[in-house]
Amino acid sequence: MFVYGTGMSADAATPGTPAPPRPMMVLIAGPYRSGTGDDPALMAANLERLEEAAWPVFAAGHVPVIGERVALPVLRSAGSTVFDPLAEQVLYPTAERLLQHCDAVLRLPGASRGADQDVAIVRERGLPVYHHVDELPVRGSTMAG
């Protein structure tokens, strides 16, 4: 099983912080292309790790968002792939646009320029950055929404 982090971070919410009044939209950020040498199998494994964090975020009563799951169809519909120059004009801007609607970031381990940019953006906005799913505030009856 994938381990998301190792405990509370300095910039995450203080333990015991009340849950927000509505579900948070949480961008799950971590390596996608970084460290893969552009190997499609390794990139798919990185995407799978991002997806593994989605259920715990949802179970805590929030809405998980993975930027690559928004950006990749945009690239495909433009007749492009992550290996084309257009990718730089789609992947990072998509994350930036998504972050205008997000309430927090869950930063998974691993080197990633894009994930680091996501963290910088939300910190600039004064929003929380979590490094472990256990840091997310849990909303009451999480399955009822």
C-alpha atoms as a PDB file:
ATOM      1  CA  MET A   1       0.000   0.000   0.000  1.00  0.00           C
ATOM      2  CA  PHE A   2       1.197   3.525  -0.814  1.00  0.00           C
ATOM      3  CA  VAL A   3       2.198   5.660   2.192  1.00  0.00           C
ATOM      4  CA  TYR A   4       1.146   9.286   1.694  1.00  0.00           C
ATOM      5  CA  GLY A   5       3.316  10.939   4.328  1.00  0.00           C
ATOM      6  CA  THR A   6       4.704  10.629   7.772  1.00  0.00           C
ATOM      7  CA  GLY A   7       2.692  12.945  10.007  1.00  0.00           C
ATOM      8  CA  MET A   8       1.716  16.502  10.671  1.00  0.00           C
ATOM      9  CA  SER A   9       3.425  19.216   8.697  1.00  0.00           C
ATOM     10  CA  ALA A  10       4.206  22.706   9.854  1.00  0.00           C
ATOM     11  CA  ASP A  11       1.778  24.289   7.382  1.00  0.00           C
ATOM     12  CA  ALA A  12      -1.154  21.898   7.776  1.00  0.00           C
ATOM     13  CA  ALA A  13      -4.154  22.619   9.945  1.00  0.00           C
ATOM     14  CA  THR A  14      -3.618  22.368  13.672  1.00  0.00           C
ATOM     15  CA  PRO A  15      -4.819  19.050  15.133  1.00  0.00           C
ATOM     16  CA  GLY A  16      -8.324  19.440  16.486  1.00  0.00           C
ATOM     17  CA  THR A  17      -9.189  22.191  13.998  1.00  0.00           C
ATOM     18  CA  PRO A  18     -12.939  22.067  13.369  1.00  0.00           C
ATOM     19  CA  ALA A  19     -14.021  20.632  10.059  1.00  0.00           C
ATOM     20  CA  PRO A  20     -14.986  23.212   7.448  1.00  0.00           C
ATOM     21  CA  PRO A  21     -18.714  23.942   7.030  1.00  0.00           C
ATOM     22  CA  ARG A  22     -18.686  22.546   3.493  1.00  0.00           C
ATOM     23  CA  PRO A  23     -16.598  19.927   1.710  1.00  0.00           C
ATOM     24  CA  MET A  24     -13.198  21.214   0.647  1.00  0.00           C
ATOM     25  CA  MET A  25     -11.989  20.775  -2.902  1.00  0.00           C
ATOM     26  CA  VAL A  26      -8.535  19.235  -2.408  1.00  0.00           C
ATOM     27  CA  LEU A  27      -6.004  19.130  -5.227  1.00  0.00           C
ATOM     28  CA  ILE A  28      -3.875  15.996  -4.954  1.00  0.00           C
ATOM     29  CA  ALA A  29      -0.368  16.989  -6.037  1.00  0.00           C
ATOM     30  CA  GLY A  30       2.663  14.793  -6.543  1.00  0.00           C
ATOM     31  CA  PRO A  31       4.985  13.427  -9.200  1.00  0.00           C
ATOM     32  CA  TYR A  32       3.477  12.550 -12.557  1.00  0.00           C
ATOM     33  CA  ARG A  33       6.180  12.859 -15.204  1.00  0.00           C
ATOM     34  CA  SER A  34       9.032  13.701 -12.803  1.00  0.00           C
ATOM     35  CA  GLY A  35      11.595  10.978 -12.296  1.00  0.00           C
ATOM     36  CA  THR A  36      10.136   8.718 -14.982  1.00  0.00           C
ATOM     37  CA  GLY A  37      12.540   9.371 -17.852  1.00  0.00           C
ATOM     38  CA  ASP A  38       9.289   9.679 -19.850  1.00  0.00           C
ATOM     39  CA  ASP A  39       8.600   5.958 -19.408  1.00  0.00           C
ATOM     40  CA  PRO A  40       4.814   5.604 -19.918  1.00  0.00           C
ATOM     41  CA  ALA A  41       4.626   2.712 -17.423  1.00  0.00           C
ATOM     42  CA  LEU A  42       6.286   4.797 -14.698  1.00  0.00           C
ATOM     43  CA  MET A  43       4.057   7.754 -15.503  1.00  0.00           C
ATOM     44  CA  ALA A  44       1.001   5.499 -15.222  1.00  0.00           C
ATOM     45  CA  ALA A  45       2.287   4.266 -11.851  1.00  0.00           C
ATOM     46  CA  ASN A  46       2.672   7.863 -10.661  1.00  0.00           C
ATOM     47  CA  LEU A  47      -0.877   8.665 -11.781  1.00  0.00           C
ATOM     48  CA  GLU A  48      -2.093   5.582  -9.931  1.00  0.00           C
ATOM     49  CA  ARG A  49      -0.403   6.850  -6.739  1.00  0.00           C
ATOM     50  CA  LEU A  50      -2.214  10.175  -7.123  1.00  0.00           C
ATOM     51  CA  GLU A  51      -5.487   8.288  -7.585  1.00  0.00           C
ATOM     52  CA  GLU A  52      -4.872   6.147  -4.493  1.00  0.00           C
ATOM     53  CA  ALA A  53      -5.173   9.294  -2.397  1.00  0.00           C
ATOM     54  CA  ALA A  54      -8.598  10.130  -3.853  1.00  0.00           C
ATOM     55  CA  TRP A  55     -10.651   7.701  -1.750  1.00  0.00           C
ATOM     56  CA  PRO A  56      -9.236   8.817   1.628  1.00  0.00           C
ATOM     57  CA  VAL A  57      -9.884  12.457   0.689  1.00  0.00           C
ATOM     58  CA  PHE A  58     -13.442  11.605  -0.344  1.00  0.00           C
ATOM     59  CA  ALA A  59     -14.006   9.449   2.750  1.00  0.00           C
ATOM     60  CA  ALA A  60     -13.005  12.433   4.910  1.00  0.00           C
ATOM     61  CA  GLY A  61     -15.925  14.320   3.354  1.00  0.00           C
ATOM     62  CA  HIS A  62     -14.097  16.313   0.683  1.00  0.00           C
ATOM     63  CA  VAL A  63     -13.812  16.430  -3.120  1.00  0.00           C
ATOM     64  CA  PRO A  64     -10.498  15.088  -4.480  1.00  0.00           C
ATOM     65  CA  VAL A  65      -9.151  16.639  -7.684  1.00  0.00           C
ATOM     66  CA  ILE A  66      -6.222  15.415  -9.771  1.00  0.00           C
ATOM     67  CA  GLY A  67      -4.986  18.044 -12.210  1.00  0.00           C
ATOM     68  CA  GLU A  68      -3.638  15.513 -14.701  1.00  0.00           C
ATOM     69  CA  ARG A  69      -7.119  13.987 -14.980  1.00  0.00           C
ATOM     70  CA  VAL A  70      -8.329  17.388 -16.180  1.00  0.00           C
ATOM     71  CA  ALA A  71      -5.317  18.357 -18.311  1.00  0.00           C
ATOM     72  CA  LEU A  72      -4.741  15.083 -20.186  1.00  0.00           C
ATOM     73  CA  PRO A  73      -8.104  15.148 -22.026  1.00  0.00           C
ATOM     74  CA  VAL A  74      -7.383  18.764 -22.995  1.00  0.00           C
ATOM     75  CA  LEU A  75      -4.081  17.658 -24.527  1.00  0.00           C
ATOM     76  CA  ARG A  76      -5.683  14.704 -26.303  1.00  0.00           C
ATOM     77  CA  SER A  77      -8.449  16.871 -27.757  1.00  0.00           C
ATOM     78  CA  ALA A  78      -5.739  19.210 -29.121  1.00  0.00           C
ATOM     79  CA  GLY A  79      -4.092  16.214 -30.813  1.00  0.00           C
ATOM     80  CA  SER A  80      -1.165  16.357 -28.404  1.00  0.00           C
ATOM     81  CA  THR A  81       0.504  14.294 -25.678  1.00  0.00           C
ATOM     82  CA  VAL A  82       2.520  15.049 -22.552  1.00  0.00           C
ATOM     83  CA  PHE A  83       5.662  14.684 -24.665  1.00  0.00           C
ATOM     84  CA  ASP A  84       4.752  17.533 -27.034  1.00  0.00           C
ATOM     85  CA  PRO A  85       5.731  21.187 -26.445  1.00  0.00           C
ATOM     86  CA  LEU A  86       2.037  22.037 -25.991  1.00  0.00           C
ATOM     87  CA  ALA A  87       2.036  20.059 -22.725  1.00  0.00           C
ATOM     88  CA  GLU A  88       3.886  22.861 -20.904  1.00  0.00           C
ATOM     89  CA  GLN A  89       1.139  25.254 -22.016  1.00  0.00           C
ATOM     90  CA  VAL A  90      -1.613  22.958 -20.737  1.00  0.00           C
ATOM     91  CA  LEU A  91      -0.456  20.966 -17.685  1.00  0.00           C
ATOM     92  CA  TYR A  92       0.739  23.781 -15.407  1.00  0.00           C
ATOM     93  CA  PRO A  93      -1.902  26.326 -16.465  1.00  0.00           C
ATOM     94  CA  THR A  94      -4.623  23.731 -15.846  1.00  0.00           C
ATOM     95  CA  ALA A  95      -3.361  23.238 -12.297  1.00  0.00           C
ATOM     96  CA  GLU A  96      -3.211  27.003 -11.774  1.00  0.00           C
ATOM     97  CA  ARG A  97      -6.810  27.376 -12.972  1.00  0.00           C
ATOM     98  CA  LEU A  98      -7.999  24.484 -10.815  1.00  0.00           C
ATOM     99  CA  LEU A  99      -6.296  25.960  -7.768  1.00  0.00           C
ATOM    100  CA  GLN A 100      -8.496  29.047  -8.100  1.00  0.00           C
ATOM    101  CA  HIS A 101     -11.351  26.750  -7.039  1.00  0.00           C
ATOM    102  CA  CYS A 102      -9.519  24.565  -4.523  1.00  0.00           C
ATOM    103  CA  ASP A 103      -9.502  24.966  -0.763  1.00  0.00           C
ATOM    104  CA  ALA A 104      -6.347  22.952  -0.038  1.00  0.00           C
ATOM    105  CA  VAL A 105      -3.577  20.796  -1.507  1.00  0.00           C
ATOM    106  CA  LEU A 106      -2.609  17.299  -0.466  1.00  0.00           C
ATOM    107  CA  ARG A 107       1.100  17.127  -1.397  1.00  0.00           C
ATOM    108  CA  LEU A 108       2.238  13.544  -1.857  1.00  0.00           C
ATOM    109  CA  PRO A 109       5.919  12.594  -1.510  1.00  0.00           C
ATOM    110  CA  GLY A 110       8.346  12.783  -4.394  1.00  0.00           C
ATOM    111  CA  ALA A 111      10.171  15.380  -6.422  1.00  0.00           C
ATOM    112  CA  SER A 112       7.844  17.326  -8.704  1.00  0.00           C
ATOM    113  CA  ARG A 113       8.234  20.847 -10.046  1.00  0.00           C
ATOM    114  CA  GLY A 114       4.512  21.029 -10.811  1.00  0.00           C
ATOM    115  CA  ALA A 115       3.461  19.861  -7.344  1.00  0.00           C
ATOM    116  CA  ASP A 116       5.885  22.323  -5.781  1.00  0.00           C
ATOM    117  CA  GLN A 117       4.281  25.092  -7.870  1.00  0.00           C
ATOM    118  CA  ASP A 118       0.842  23.985  -6.629  1.00  0.00           C
ATOM    119  CA  VAL A 119       2.028  24.233  -3.029  1.00  0.00           C
ATOM    120  CA  ALA A 120       3.504  27.701  -3.617  1.00  0.00           C
ATOM    121  CA  ILE A 121       0.239  28.930  -5.127  1.00  0.00           C
ATOM    122  CA  VAL A 122      -1.950  27.758  -2.245  1.00  0.00           C
ATOM    123  CA  ARG A 123       0.504  29.032   0.365  1.00  0.00           C
ATOM    124  CA  GLU A 124       0.381  32.426  -1.363  1.00  0.00           C
ATOM    125  CA  ARG A 125      -3.404  32.315  -0.967  1.00  0.00           C
ATOM    126  CA  GLY A 126      -3.078  31.349   2.705  1.00  0.00           C
ATOM    127  CA  LEU A 127      -4.688  27.943   2.180  1.00  0.00           C
ATOM    128  CA  PRO A 128      -3.620  24.728   3.903  1.00  0.00           C
ATOM    129  CA  VAL A 129      -1.135  22.265   2.486  1.00  0.00           C
ATOM    130  CA  TYR A 130      -1.486  18.754   3.860  1.00  0.00           C
ATOM    131  CA  HIS A 131       1.215  16.101   3.553  1.00  0.00           C
ATOM    132  CA  HIS A 132      -0.794  13.154   4.828  1.00  0.00           C
ATOM    133  CA  VAL A 133      -4.456  12.281   4.377  1.00  0.00           C
ATOM    134  CA  ASP A 134      -4.790  11.924   8.162  1.00  0.00           C
ATOM    135  CA  GLU A 135      -4.185  15.676   8.458  1.00  0.00           C
ATOM    136  CA  LEU A 136      -7.389  16.530   6.584  1.00  0.00           C
ATOM    137  CA  PRO A 137     -10.258  17.646   8.814  1.00  0.00           C
ATOM    138  CA  VAL A 138     -13.002  15.029   8.779  1.00  0.00           C
ATOM    139  CA  ARG A 139     -16.511  16.272   8.106  1.00  0.00           C
ATOM    140  CA  GLY A 140     -19.255  14.660  10.253  1.00  0.00           C
ATOM    141  CA  SER A 141     -21.040  11.927   8.350  1.00  0.00           C
ATOM    142  CA  THR A 142     -18.591  11.680   5.479  1.00  0.00           C
ATOM    143  CA  MET A 143     -20.568   9.282   3.317  1.00  0.00           C
ATOM    144  CA  ALA A 144     -23.769  11.375   3.435  1.00  0.00           C
ATOM    145  CA  GLY A 145     -21.996  14.484   2.105  1.00  0.00           C
END
